[in-house]
Amino acid sequence: MNFFLRRSPAPAAPPQQPDPWTPEGLLVRVRYANLVGAQVLLYTRALSDGQASSDHGVHCLGCTRTWTMTDNTYPRPLDFERGSERAAEHAGECRALPGPIPTRPDDETAVGMLTHRIARSQQADFEFSLHTTEFAADRVLLQRTDGWIYEQFPVIAEQRPDLLAVTTDTTSAGTTHVYHQVQRRANTRTQVAAS
């Protein structure tokens, strides 16, 4: 009988890695690493049913640049393929050091970000319906869901009727649709002439 049995030590458990950061309201489809390790996120909006939207964005957590539209004469939202190309291209060129995870803004600051984006998207000659895709470039920093953004539209419309109006339309079948219309920018020449 051998009283000196050698037992090998139990293998050490691998250290627990924190879950990769995902901004609220988004789904990160792919994470690329730039030349020095900063993450370049290929993201899409998380729809209310948990599925991914078809429009994508790219955001670098190093240099903080964001892309949400194609770079052609008639810009349109990035799809998965074009977003992947843009993210991989940027990751292969960017030398920005990894930065901190963006701090989630408080509600007042977030509403200010929405208001600023609506003001920037005002068109000179027509009104248009506002959708959450207008905020694609701000979503990593905004860190809010589509539902939260839609809830702020009536608040912004009440505070800034020069920017946004809420209109409703009821069909003959009794279905009511709510539209958030970005108002036409006031023509400053007309205002000056009227004074």
N, C-alpha and C. Protein backbone atom coordinates (compact mmCIF):
# COMPACT_ATOMS: atom_id res chain seq x y z
N MET A 1 0.83 -1.16 0.00
CA MET A 1 0.00 0.00 0.00
C MET A 1 0.89 1.24 0.00
N ASN A 2 0.56 2.19 -0.90
CA ASN A 2 1.36 3.39 -1.04
C ASN A 2 0.63 4.55 -0.39
N PHE A 3 1.22 5.09 0.71
CA PHE A 3 0.59 6.19 1.43
C PHE A 3 0.91 7.56 0.81
N PHE A 4 1.75 7.58 -0.16
CA PHE A 4 2.20 8.84 -0.74
C PHE A 4 1.73 8.98 -2.18
N LEU A 5 0.43 8.88 -2.35
CA LEU A 5 -0.12 9.05 -3.69
C LEU A 5 0.04 10.50 -4.14
N ARG A 6 0.45 10.65 -5.34
CA ARG A 6 0.59 12.01 -5.88
C ARG A 6 -0.69 12.36 -6.62
N ARG A 7 -1.22 13.43 -6.25
CA ARG A 7 -2.40 13.92 -6.93
C ARG A 7 -2.04 15.19 -7.67
N SER A 8 -2.44 15.27 -8.91
CA SER A 8 -2.18 16.51 -9.63
C SER A 8 -3.20 17.55 -9.20
N PRO A 9 -2.77 18.78 -9.10
CA PRO A 9 -3.69 19.83 -8.66
C PRO A 9 -4.82 20.01 -9.68
N ALA A 10 -5.97 20.41 -9.16
CA ALA A 10 -7.12 20.66 -10.05
C ALA A 10 -6.77 21.83 -10.97
N PRO A 11 -7.15 21.74 -12.22
CA PRO A 11 -6.84 22.85 -13.12
C PRO A 11 -7.53 24.13 -12.66
N ALA A 12 -6.82 25.22 -12.78
CA ALA A 12 -7.37 26.52 -12.37
C ALA A 12 -8.46 26.94 -13.36
N ALA A 13 -9.53 27.48 -12.82
CA ALA A 13 -10.62 27.98 -13.68
C ALA A 13 -10.13 29.22 -14.41
N PRO A 14 -10.49 29.36 -15.67
CA PRO A 14 -10.07 30.57 -16.38
C PRO A 14 -10.71 31.80 -15.74
N PRO A 15 -9.99 32.91 -15.75
CA PRO A 15 -10.57 34.10 -15.13
C PRO A 15 -11.85 34.52 -15.86
N GLN A 16 -12.81 35.00 -15.09
CA GLN A 16 -14.07 35.44 -15.67
C GLN A 16 -13.86 36.77 -16.39
N GLN A 17 -14.21 36.79 -17.66
CA GLN A 17 -14.12 38.03 -18.43
C GLN A 17 -15.46 38.76 -18.32
N PRO A 18 -15.42 40.08 -18.16
CA PRO A 18 -16.69 40.80 -18.13
C PRO A 18 -17.35 40.72 -19.51
N ASP A 19 -18.67 40.74 -19.53
CA ASP A 19 -19.38 40.73 -20.80
C ASP A 19 -18.98 41.96 -21.60
N PRO A 20 -18.79 41.79 -22.91
CA PRO A 20 -18.48 42.97 -23.72
C PRO A 20 -19.60 43.99 -23.62
N TRP A 21 -19.23 45.25 -23.58
CA TRP A 21 -20.19 46.33 -23.42
C TRP A 21 -21.06 46.46 -24.66
N THR A 22 -22.36 46.58 -24.45
CA THR A 22 -23.32 46.82 -25.52
C THR A 22 -24.18 48.00 -25.09
N PRO A 23 -24.22 49.07 -25.89
CA PRO A 23 -25.05 50.22 -25.53
C PRO A 23 -26.53 49.84 -25.47
N GLU A 24 -27.23 50.42 -24.54
CA GLU A 24 -28.67 50.18 -24.39
C GLU A 24 -29.39 50.52 -25.69
N GLY A 25 -30.33 49.67 -26.08
CA GLY A 25 -31.13 49.91 -27.28
C GLY A 25 -30.49 49.41 -28.56
N LEU A 26 -29.28 48.85 -28.47
CA LEU A 26 -28.58 48.38 -29.67
C LEU A 26 -28.21 46.92 -29.54
N LEU A 27 -27.92 46.30 -30.66
CA LEU A 27 -27.33 44.97 -30.71
C LEU A 27 -26.01 45.12 -31.44
N VAL A 28 -24.93 44.64 -30.82
CA VAL A 28 -23.62 44.69 -31.48
C VAL A 28 -23.49 43.40 -32.28
N ARG A 29 -23.43 43.53 -33.59
CA ARG A 29 -23.37 42.36 -34.46
C ARG A 29 -21.95 41.82 -34.56
N VAL A 30 -20.94 42.71 -34.67
CA VAL A 30 -19.54 42.29 -34.79
C VAL A 30 -18.68 43.31 -34.06
N ARG A 31 -17.63 42.83 -33.41
CA ARG A 31 -16.64 43.69 -32.76
C ARG A 31 -15.30 43.47 -33.45
N TYR A 32 -14.75 44.54 -33.98
CA TYR A 32 -13.42 44.50 -34.60
C TYR A 32 -12.46 45.17 -33.65
N ALA A 33 -11.17 44.83 -33.75
CA ALA A 33 -10.14 45.50 -32.96
C ALA A 33 -9.30 46.34 -33.91
N ASN A 34 -9.08 47.61 -33.56
CA ASN A 34 -8.23 48.44 -34.41
C ASN A 34 -6.77 48.04 -34.19
N LEU A 35 -5.84 48.78 -34.76
CA LEU A 35 -4.42 48.39 -34.74
C LEU A 35 -3.82 48.32 -33.34
N VAL A 36 -4.41 49.02 -32.37
CA VAL A 36 -3.88 48.96 -31.00
C VAL A 36 -4.90 48.42 -30.00
N GLY A 37 -5.97 47.82 -30.49
CA GLY A 37 -6.90 47.12 -29.59
C GLY A 37 -8.20 47.81 -29.26
N ALA A 38 -8.42 49.03 -29.73
CA ALA A 38 -9.72 49.69 -29.48
C ALA A 38 -10.80 48.98 -30.29
N GLN A 39 -11.97 48.83 -29.69
CA GLN A 39 -13.05 48.14 -30.38
C GLN A 39 -13.74 49.05 -31.40
N VAL A 40 -14.04 48.46 -32.54
CA VAL A 40 -14.86 49.10 -33.57
C VAL A 40 -16.14 48.28 -33.64
N LEU A 41 -17.25 48.89 -33.25
CA LEU A 41 -18.53 48.18 -33.15
C LEU A 41 -19.33 48.31 -34.43
N LEU A 42 -19.83 47.19 -34.94
CA LEU A 42 -20.84 47.18 -35.99
C LEU A 42 -22.15 46.89 -35.28
N TYR A 43 -23.05 47.87 -35.24
CA TYR A 43 -24.25 47.74 -34.43
C TYR A 43 -25.51 47.98 -35.26
N THR A 44 -26.62 47.57 -34.68
CA THR A 44 -27.94 47.81 -35.25
C THR A 44 -28.90 48.07 -34.10
N ARG A 45 -30.05 48.63 -34.41
CA ARG A 45 -31.04 48.90 -33.36
C ARG A 45 -31.71 47.61 -32.94
N ALA A 46 -32.00 47.50 -31.65
CA ALA A 46 -32.79 46.38 -31.14
C ALA A 46 -34.25 46.77 -31.23
N LEU A 47 -35.01 46.04 -32.01
CA LEU A 47 -36.44 46.32 -32.15
C LEU A 47 -37.18 45.87 -30.91
N SER A 48 -38.44 46.29 -30.78
CA SER A 48 -39.20 46.00 -29.56
C SER A 48 -39.36 44.49 -29.32
N ASP A 49 -39.29 43.68 -30.38
CA ASP A 49 -39.41 42.23 -30.20
C ASP A 49 -38.05 41.56 -29.98
N GLY A 50 -36.99 42.36 -29.83
CA GLY A 50 -35.66 41.82 -29.58
C GLY A 50 -34.87 41.50 -30.84
N GLN A 51 -35.51 41.60 -31.99
CA GLN A 51 -34.83 41.33 -33.26
C GLN A 51 -33.98 42.54 -33.66
N ALA A 52 -33.10 42.32 -34.63
CA ALA A 52 -32.22 43.38 -35.12
C ALA A 52 -32.88 44.11 -36.29
N SER A 53 -32.70 45.42 -36.34
CA SER A 53 -33.19 46.18 -37.50
C SER A 53 -32.24 45.95 -38.67
N SER A 54 -32.63 46.38 -39.85
CA SER A 54 -31.80 46.16 -41.03
C SER A 54 -30.77 47.27 -41.23
N ASP A 55 -30.95 48.43 -40.58
CA ASP A 55 -29.98 49.51 -40.71
C ASP A 55 -28.88 49.34 -39.67
N HIS A 56 -27.65 49.64 -40.07
CA HIS A 56 -26.48 49.42 -39.22
C HIS A 56 -25.68 50.69 -39.04
N GLY A 57 -24.86 50.69 -38.03
CA GLY A 57 -23.93 51.78 -37.79
C GLY A 57 -22.58 51.21 -37.36
N VAL A 58 -21.56 52.02 -37.50
CA VAL A 58 -20.20 51.66 -37.09
C VAL A 58 -19.71 52.74 -36.14
N HIS A 59 -19.15 52.35 -35.01
CA HIS A 59 -18.62 53.32 -34.05
C HIS A 59 -17.30 52.80 -33.49
N CYS A 60 -16.28 53.65 -33.51
CA CYS A 60 -14.97 53.29 -32.97
C CYS A 60 -14.87 53.81 -31.54
N LEU A 61 -14.59 52.92 -30.61
CA LEU A 61 -14.43 53.32 -29.20
C LEU A 61 -13.04 53.90 -28.93
N GLY A 62 -12.21 53.99 -29.96
CA GLY A 62 -10.91 54.64 -29.83
C GLY A 62 -11.01 56.10 -30.25
N CYS A 63 -11.18 56.32 -31.56
CA CYS A 63 -11.23 57.70 -32.08
C CYS A 63 -12.63 58.29 -32.00
N THR A 64 -13.64 57.51 -31.68
CA THR A 64 -15.05 57.88 -31.50
C THR A 64 -15.76 58.29 -32.79
N ARG A 65 -15.22 57.96 -33.95
CA ARG A 65 -15.91 58.25 -35.21
C ARG A 65 -17.08 57.29 -35.40
N THR A 66 -18.11 57.78 -36.10
CA THR A 66 -19.31 57.00 -36.36
C THR A 66 -19.70 57.12 -37.83
N TRP A 67 -20.14 56.00 -38.41
CA TRP A 67 -20.67 55.97 -39.77
C TRP A 67 -22.02 55.28 -39.74
N THR A 68 -23.01 55.88 -40.41
CA THR A 68 -24.33 55.26 -40.47
C THR A 68 -24.92 55.27 -41.87
N MET A 69 -24.28 55.97 -42.78
CA MET A 69 -24.79 56.08 -44.14
C MET A 69 -23.72 55.67 -45.14
N THR A 70 -24.17 55.22 -46.32
CA THR A 70 -23.23 54.89 -47.38
C THR A 70 -22.58 56.17 -47.89
N ASP A 71 -21.42 56.05 -48.48
CA ASP A 71 -20.68 57.22 -48.95
C ASP A 71 -20.88 57.41 -50.45
N ASN A 72 -22.10 57.52 -50.89
CA ASN A 72 -22.31 57.75 -52.32
C ASN A 72 -23.21 58.96 -52.53
N THR A 73 -23.51 59.25 -53.76
CA THR A 73 -24.29 60.45 -54.09
C THR A 73 -25.67 60.43 -53.46
N TYR A 74 -26.29 59.25 -53.36
CA TYR A 74 -27.60 59.13 -52.75
C TYR A 74 -27.46 58.30 -51.47
N PRO A 75 -27.09 58.95 -50.37
CA PRO A 75 -26.82 58.19 -49.15
C PRO A 75 -28.04 57.41 -48.66
N ARG A 76 -27.79 56.23 -48.15
CA ARG A 76 -28.83 55.40 -47.55
C ARG A 76 -28.20 54.70 -46.34
N PRO A 77 -29.04 54.20 -45.44
CA PRO A 77 -28.48 53.55 -44.24
C PRO A 77 -27.58 52.37 -44.62
N LEU A 78 -26.55 52.16 -43.81
CA LEU A 78 -25.66 51.02 -44.02
C LEU A 78 -26.40 49.72 -43.80
N ASP A 79 -26.22 48.76 -44.69
CA ASP A 79 -26.71 47.42 -44.43
C ASP A 79 -25.56 46.63 -43.78
N PHE A 80 -25.80 45.38 -43.46
CA PHE A 80 -24.79 44.59 -42.75
C PHE A 80 -23.50 44.49 -43.56
N GLU A 81 -23.61 44.23 -44.85
CA GLU A 81 -22.42 44.05 -45.69
C GLU A 81 -21.58 45.32 -45.77
N ARG A 82 -22.23 46.44 -46.06
CA ARG A 82 -21.48 47.70 -46.17
C ARG A 82 -20.95 48.15 -44.81
N GLY A 83 -21.73 47.88 -43.76
CA GLY A 83 -21.26 48.21 -42.42
C GLY A 83 -20.03 47.39 -42.04
N SER A 84 -20.05 46.10 -42.38
CA SER A 84 -18.89 45.24 -42.11
C SER A 84 -17.66 45.73 -42.84
N GLU A 85 -17.83 46.10 -44.10
CA GLU A 85 -16.70 46.62 -44.88
C GLU A 85 -16.13 47.88 -44.26
N ARG A 86 -17.03 48.81 -43.87
CA ARG A 86 -16.59 50.09 -43.27
C ARG A 86 -15.87 49.83 -41.94
N ALA A 87 -16.41 48.94 -41.11
CA ALA A 87 -15.81 48.65 -39.81
C ALA A 87 -14.45 47.99 -39.96
N ALA A 88 -14.35 47.01 -40.86
CA ALA A 88 -13.07 46.32 -41.07
C ALA A 88 -12.02 47.26 -41.64
N GLU A 89 -12.43 48.11 -42.58
CA GLU A 89 -11.51 49.09 -43.17
C GLU A 89 -10.98 50.04 -42.10
N HIS A 90 -11.88 50.55 -41.28
CA HIS A 90 -11.46 51.49 -40.23
C HIS A 90 -10.56 50.79 -39.22
N ALA A 91 -10.93 49.58 -38.81
CA ALA A 91 -10.11 48.84 -37.83
C ALA A 91 -8.70 48.62 -38.35
N GLY A 92 -8.56 48.42 -39.66
CA GLY A 92 -7.25 48.20 -40.25
C GLY A 92 -6.41 49.46 -40.41
N GLU A 93 -7.00 50.63 -40.17
CA GLU A 93 -6.29 51.90 -40.32
C GLU A 93 -6.13 52.68 -39.02
N CYS A 94 -7.07 52.52 -38.09
CA CYS A 94 -7.13 53.38 -36.90
C CYS A 94 -6.06 53.00 -35.88
N ARG A 95 -5.37 54.01 -35.38
CA ARG A 95 -4.33 53.81 -34.37
C ARG A 95 -4.70 54.46 -33.02
N ALA A 96 -5.98 54.77 -32.85
CA ALA A 96 -6.42 55.40 -31.60
C ALA A 96 -6.39 54.38 -30.47
N LEU A 97 -5.91 54.81 -29.33
CA LEU A 97 -5.87 53.94 -28.15
C LEU A 97 -7.29 53.66 -27.66
N PRO A 98 -7.50 52.51 -27.03
CA PRO A 98 -8.83 52.23 -26.48
C PRO A 98 -9.24 53.30 -25.48
N GLY A 99 -10.44 53.81 -25.65
CA GLY A 99 -10.95 54.83 -24.73
C GLY A 99 -11.90 54.21 -23.72
N PRO A 100 -12.36 55.02 -22.77
CA PRO A 100 -13.31 54.49 -21.78
C PRO A 100 -14.68 54.26 -22.42
N ILE A 101 -15.45 53.40 -21.80
CA ILE A 101 -16.83 53.18 -22.24
C ILE A 101 -17.59 54.49 -22.03
N PRO A 102 -18.33 54.96 -23.03
CA PRO A 102 -19.06 56.22 -22.86
C PRO A 102 -20.03 56.16 -21.68
N THR A 103 -20.06 57.21 -20.90
CA THR A 103 -20.98 57.30 -19.77
C THR A 103 -22.39 57.54 -20.30
N ARG A 104 -23.35 56.84 -19.75
CA ARG A 104 -24.75 57.02 -20.16
C ARG A 104 -25.23 58.39 -19.69
N PRO A 105 -25.72 59.23 -20.63
CA PRO A 105 -26.16 60.57 -20.21
C PRO A 105 -27.45 60.51 -19.41
N ASP A 106 -27.66 61.52 -18.57
CA ASP A 106 -28.93 61.59 -17.84
C ASP A 106 -30.03 61.95 -18.84
N ASP A 107 -31.29 61.83 -18.43
CA ASP A 107 -32.42 62.02 -19.34
C ASP A 107 -32.44 63.43 -19.95
N GLU A 108 -32.15 64.45 -19.16
CA GLU A 108 -32.17 65.82 -19.67
C GLU A 108 -31.14 66.00 -20.79
N THR A 109 -29.94 65.47 -20.57
CA THR A 109 -28.90 65.56 -21.59
C THR A 109 -29.29 64.77 -22.83
N ALA A 110 -29.89 63.59 -22.63
CA ALA A 110 -30.31 62.77 -23.77
C ALA A 110 -31.39 63.47 -24.59
N VAL A 111 -32.35 64.12 -23.93
CA VAL A 111 -33.38 64.87 -24.66
C VAL A 111 -32.73 66.03 -25.42
N GLY A 112 -31.73 66.66 -24.81
CA GLY A 112 -31.00 67.72 -25.51
C GLY A 112 -30.30 67.20 -26.76
N MET A 113 -29.74 65.99 -26.69
CA MET A 113 -29.11 65.38 -27.86
C MET A 113 -30.13 65.14 -28.97
N LEU A 114 -31.33 64.65 -28.59
CA LEU A 114 -32.39 64.43 -29.58
C LEU A 114 -32.81 65.74 -30.22
N THR A 115 -33.02 66.76 -29.39
CA THR A 115 -33.45 68.07 -29.89
C THR A 115 -32.42 68.65 -30.85
N HIS A 116 -31.15 68.53 -30.49
CA HIS A 116 -30.07 69.04 -31.35
C HIS A 116 -30.07 68.31 -32.69
N ARG A 117 -30.25 66.99 -32.68
CA ARG A 117 -30.25 66.22 -33.92
C ARG A 117 -31.46 66.60 -34.78
N ILE A 118 -32.63 66.82 -34.16
CA ILE A 118 -33.80 67.23 -34.94
C ILE A 118 -33.55 68.59 -35.59
N ALA A 119 -32.96 69.51 -34.83
CA ALA A 119 -32.66 70.84 -35.37
C ALA A 119 -31.69 70.73 -36.54
N ARG A 120 -30.71 69.84 -36.46
CA ARG A 120 -29.74 69.66 -37.55
C ARG A 120 -30.37 69.00 -38.76
N SER A 121 -31.44 68.23 -38.57
CA SER A 121 -32.05 67.52 -39.69
C SER A 121 -33.17 68.31 -40.36
N GLN A 122 -33.47 69.50 -39.84
CA GLN A 122 -34.51 70.31 -40.46
C GLN A 122 -34.15 70.59 -41.91
N GLN A 123 -35.12 70.44 -42.77
CA GLN A 123 -34.92 70.72 -44.20
C GLN A 123 -35.48 72.10 -44.52
N ALA A 124 -34.89 72.75 -45.50
CA ALA A 124 -35.29 74.11 -45.84
C ALA A 124 -36.63 74.18 -46.55
N ASP A 125 -37.02 73.14 -47.30
CA ASP A 125 -38.20 73.29 -48.15
C ASP A 125 -39.30 72.25 -47.97
N PHE A 126 -39.19 71.33 -47.01
CA PHE A 126 -40.30 70.40 -46.82
C PHE A 126 -40.27 69.83 -45.42
N GLU A 127 -41.45 69.34 -45.00
CA GLU A 127 -41.58 68.65 -43.71
C GLU A 127 -41.43 67.16 -43.96
N PHE A 128 -41.00 66.42 -42.95
CA PHE A 128 -40.90 64.97 -43.11
C PHE A 128 -41.16 64.29 -41.78
N SER A 129 -41.59 63.03 -41.85
CA SER A 129 -41.85 62.25 -40.64
C SER A 129 -40.54 61.81 -40.01
N LEU A 130 -40.46 61.95 -38.73
CA LEU A 130 -39.25 61.62 -37.99
C LEU A 130 -39.29 60.17 -37.54
N HIS A 131 -38.20 59.45 -37.73
CA HIS A 131 -38.06 58.06 -37.30
C HIS A 131 -36.78 57.92 -36.49
N THR A 132 -36.66 56.83 -35.76
CA THR A 132 -35.47 56.64 -34.93
C THR A 132 -34.21 56.48 -35.76
N THR A 133 -34.33 56.18 -37.05
CA THR A 133 -33.12 56.08 -37.89
C THR A 133 -32.40 57.42 -37.99
N GLU A 134 -33.12 58.53 -37.76
CA GLU A 134 -32.47 59.86 -37.77
C GLU A 134 -31.39 59.97 -36.70
N PHE A 135 -31.47 59.12 -35.67
CA PHE A 135 -30.55 59.21 -34.53
C PHE A 135 -29.49 58.12 -34.55
N ALA A 136 -29.33 57.43 -35.69
CA ALA A 136 -28.40 56.30 -35.78
C ALA A 136 -26.98 56.69 -35.38
N ALA A 137 -26.54 57.87 -35.78
CA ALA A 137 -25.17 58.30 -35.47
C ALA A 137 -24.97 58.61 -33.99
N ASP A 138 -26.05 58.85 -33.27
CA ASP A 138 -25.96 59.21 -31.85
C ASP A 138 -26.21 58.05 -30.91
N ARG A 139 -26.57 56.89 -31.43
CA ARG A 139 -27.08 55.83 -30.57
C ARG A 139 -26.07 55.27 -29.59
N VAL A 140 -24.80 55.17 -29.95
CA VAL A 140 -23.81 54.63 -29.01
C VAL A 140 -23.66 55.58 -27.82
N LEU A 141 -23.69 56.88 -28.06
CA LEU A 141 -23.57 57.85 -26.97
C LEU A 141 -24.89 58.08 -26.26
N LEU A 142 -26.00 58.00 -27.00
CA LEU A 142 -27.33 58.23 -26.42
C LEU A 142 -27.72 57.13 -25.44
N GLN A 143 -27.46 55.88 -25.80
CA GLN A 143 -27.72 54.72 -24.95
C GLN A 143 -29.17 54.67 -24.46
N ARG A 144 -30.09 54.71 -25.43
CA ARG A 144 -31.52 54.63 -25.14
C ARG A 144 -32.19 53.74 -26.17
N THR A 145 -33.35 53.18 -25.80
CA THR A 145 -34.11 52.31 -26.70
C THR A 145 -34.95 53.14 -27.67
N ASP A 146 -35.42 52.49 -28.74
CA ASP A 146 -36.34 53.15 -29.66
C ASP A 146 -37.58 53.65 -28.92
N GLY A 147 -38.11 52.82 -28.02
CA GLY A 147 -39.30 53.19 -27.27
C GLY A 147 -39.11 54.47 -26.47
N TRP A 148 -37.97 54.59 -25.80
CA TRP A 148 -37.69 55.80 -25.02
C TRP A 148 -37.61 57.01 -25.94
N ILE A 149 -36.96 56.85 -27.10
CA ILE A 149 -36.84 57.97 -28.04
C ILE A 149 -38.23 58.41 -28.51
N TYR A 150 -39.08 57.46 -28.90
CA TYR A 150 -40.43 57.81 -29.34
C TYR A 150 -41.23 58.53 -28.25
N GLU A 151 -41.02 58.14 -26.99
CA GLU A 151 -41.72 58.79 -25.89
C GLU A 151 -41.32 60.26 -25.74
N GLN A 152 -40.12 60.62 -26.19
CA GLN A 152 -39.65 62.00 -26.05
C GLN A 152 -40.17 62.91 -27.16
N PHE A 153 -40.61 62.36 -28.29
CA PHE A 153 -41.06 63.20 -29.40
C PHE A 153 -42.18 64.16 -29.00
N PRO A 154 -43.26 63.70 -28.32
CA PRO A 154 -44.31 64.67 -27.93
C PRO A 154 -43.79 65.74 -26.96
N VAL A 155 -42.86 65.37 -26.09
CA VAL A 155 -42.28 66.34 -25.15
C VAL A 155 -41.52 67.41 -25.91
N ILE A 156 -40.70 66.98 -26.88
CA ILE A 156 -39.92 67.93 -27.68
C ILE A 156 -40.86 68.79 -28.52
N ALA A 157 -41.91 68.18 -29.08
CA ALA A 157 -42.88 68.93 -29.89
C ALA A 157 -43.55 70.02 -29.07
N GLU A 158 -43.84 69.73 -27.80
CA GLU A 158 -44.49 70.72 -26.94
C GLU A 158 -43.52 71.86 -26.60
N GLN A 159 -42.27 71.51 -26.33
CA GLN A 159 -41.28 72.52 -25.97
C GLN A 159 -40.76 73.30 -27.17
N ARG A 160 -40.69 72.64 -28.34
CA ARG A 160 -40.12 73.28 -29.54
C ARG A 160 -41.04 73.06 -30.74
N PRO A 161 -42.20 73.73 -30.77
CA PRO A 161 -43.11 73.55 -31.91
C PRO A 161 -42.51 74.04 -33.23
N ASP A 162 -41.45 74.83 -33.16
CA ASP A 162 -40.77 75.26 -34.38
C ASP A 162 -39.96 74.12 -35.00
N LEU A 163 -39.68 73.06 -34.23
CA LEU A 163 -38.92 71.92 -34.72
C LEU A 163 -39.78 70.72 -35.08
N LEU A 164 -40.73 70.42 -34.20
CA LEU A 164 -41.43 69.15 -34.31
C LEU A 164 -42.91 69.32 -34.01
N ALA A 165 -43.77 68.65 -34.80
CA ALA A 165 -45.21 68.66 -34.56
C ALA A 165 -45.71 67.23 -34.53
N VAL A 166 -46.71 66.98 -33.69
CA VAL A 166 -47.34 65.67 -33.62
C VAL A 166 -48.69 65.77 -34.30
N THR A 167 -48.91 64.93 -35.30
CA THR A 167 -50.20 64.90 -35.99
C THR A 167 -50.74 63.48 -35.96
N THR A 168 -52.08 63.37 -36.00
CA THR A 168 -52.70 62.05 -36.03
C THR A 168 -53.60 61.94 -37.25
N ASP A 169 -53.75 60.74 -37.72
CA ASP A 169 -54.59 60.46 -38.88
C ASP A 169 -55.34 59.18 -38.59
N THR A 170 -56.66 59.23 -38.69
CA THR A 170 -57.48 58.05 -38.48
C THR A 170 -58.03 57.58 -39.81
N THR A 171 -57.79 56.33 -40.12
CA THR A 171 -58.26 55.76 -41.39
C THR A 171 -59.74 55.45 -41.30
N SER A 172 -60.35 55.13 -42.45
CA SER A 172 -61.78 54.78 -42.47
C SER A 172 -62.05 53.50 -41.68
N ALA A 173 -61.01 52.67 -41.49
CA ALA A 173 -61.17 51.44 -40.70
C ALA A 173 -61.05 51.71 -39.20
N GLY A 174 -60.76 52.96 -38.84
CA GLY A 174 -60.66 53.31 -37.42
C GLY A 174 -59.27 53.21 -36.84
N THR A 175 -58.27 52.93 -37.68
CA THR A 175 -56.89 52.84 -37.20
C THR A 175 -56.30 54.24 -37.14
N THR A 176 -55.72 54.56 -35.98
CA THR A 176 -55.11 55.88 -35.81
C THR A 176 -53.60 55.77 -35.92
N HIS A 177 -53.02 56.64 -36.71
CA HIS A 177 -51.57 56.70 -36.87
C HIS A 177 -51.08 58.04 -36.32
N VAL A 178 -50.00 58.01 -35.59
CA VAL A 178 -49.39 59.23 -35.06
C VAL A 178 -48.13 59.52 -35.85
N TYR A 179 -48.01 60.75 -36.32
CA TYR A 179 -46.84 61.16 -37.09
C TYR A 179 -46.11 62.27 -36.35
N HIS A 180 -44.81 62.18 -36.35
CA HIS A 180 -43.98 63.22 -35.76
C HIS A 180 -43.29 63.93 -36.92
N GLN A 181 -43.78 65.11 -37.24
CA GLN A 181 -43.31 65.83 -38.42
C GLN A 181 -42.25 66.86 -38.04
N VAL A 182 -41.09 66.74 -38.67
CA VAL A 182 -40.06 67.77 -38.51
C VAL A 182 -40.52 68.97 -39.33
N GLN A 183 -40.59 70.13 -38.70
CA GLN A 183 -41.10 71.32 -39.35
C GLN A 183 -40.09 71.91 -40.32
N ARG A 184 -40.62 72.56 -41.32
CA ARG A 184 -39.78 73.25 -42.29
C ARG A 184 -39.04 74.38 -41.59
N ARG A 185 -37.78 74.53 -41.90
CA ARG A 185 -36.98 75.59 -41.31
C ARG A 185 -37.53 76.93 -41.81
N ALA A 186 -37.68 77.88 -40.89
CA ALA A 186 -38.17 79.20 -41.27
C ALA A 186 -37.19 79.86 -42.22
N ASN A 187 -37.70 80.46 -43.25
CA ASN A 187 -36.86 81.15 -44.22
C ASN A 187 -36.50 82.51 -43.64
N THR A 188 -35.22 82.70 -43.32
CA THR A 188 -34.80 83.94 -42.66
C THR A 188 -34.97 85.16 -43.58
N ARG A 189 -34.84 84.96 -44.90
CA ARG A 189 -35.01 86.09 -45.83
C ARG A 189 -36.44 86.60 -45.77
N THR A 190 -37.41 85.68 -45.71
CA THR A 190 -38.81 86.07 -45.64
C THR A 190 -39.10 86.80 -44.34
N GLN A 191 -38.50 86.33 -43.23
CA GLN A 191 -38.71 86.97 -41.94
C GLN A 191 -38.15 88.39 -41.94
N VAL A 192 -36.97 88.57 -42.53
CA VAL A 192 -36.35 89.89 -42.57
C VAL A 192 -37.20 90.84 -43.42
N ALA A 193 -37.70 90.37 -44.56
CA ALA A 193 -38.51 91.19 -45.45
C ALA A 193 -39.82 91.60 -44.78
N ALA A 194 -40.38 90.70 -43.98
CA ALA A 194 -41.65 90.99 -43.31
C ALA A 194 -41.49 91.98 -42.17
N SER A 195 -40.28 92.13 -41.65
CA SER A 195 -40.05 93.02 -40.49
C SER A 195 -40.15 94.48 -40.85
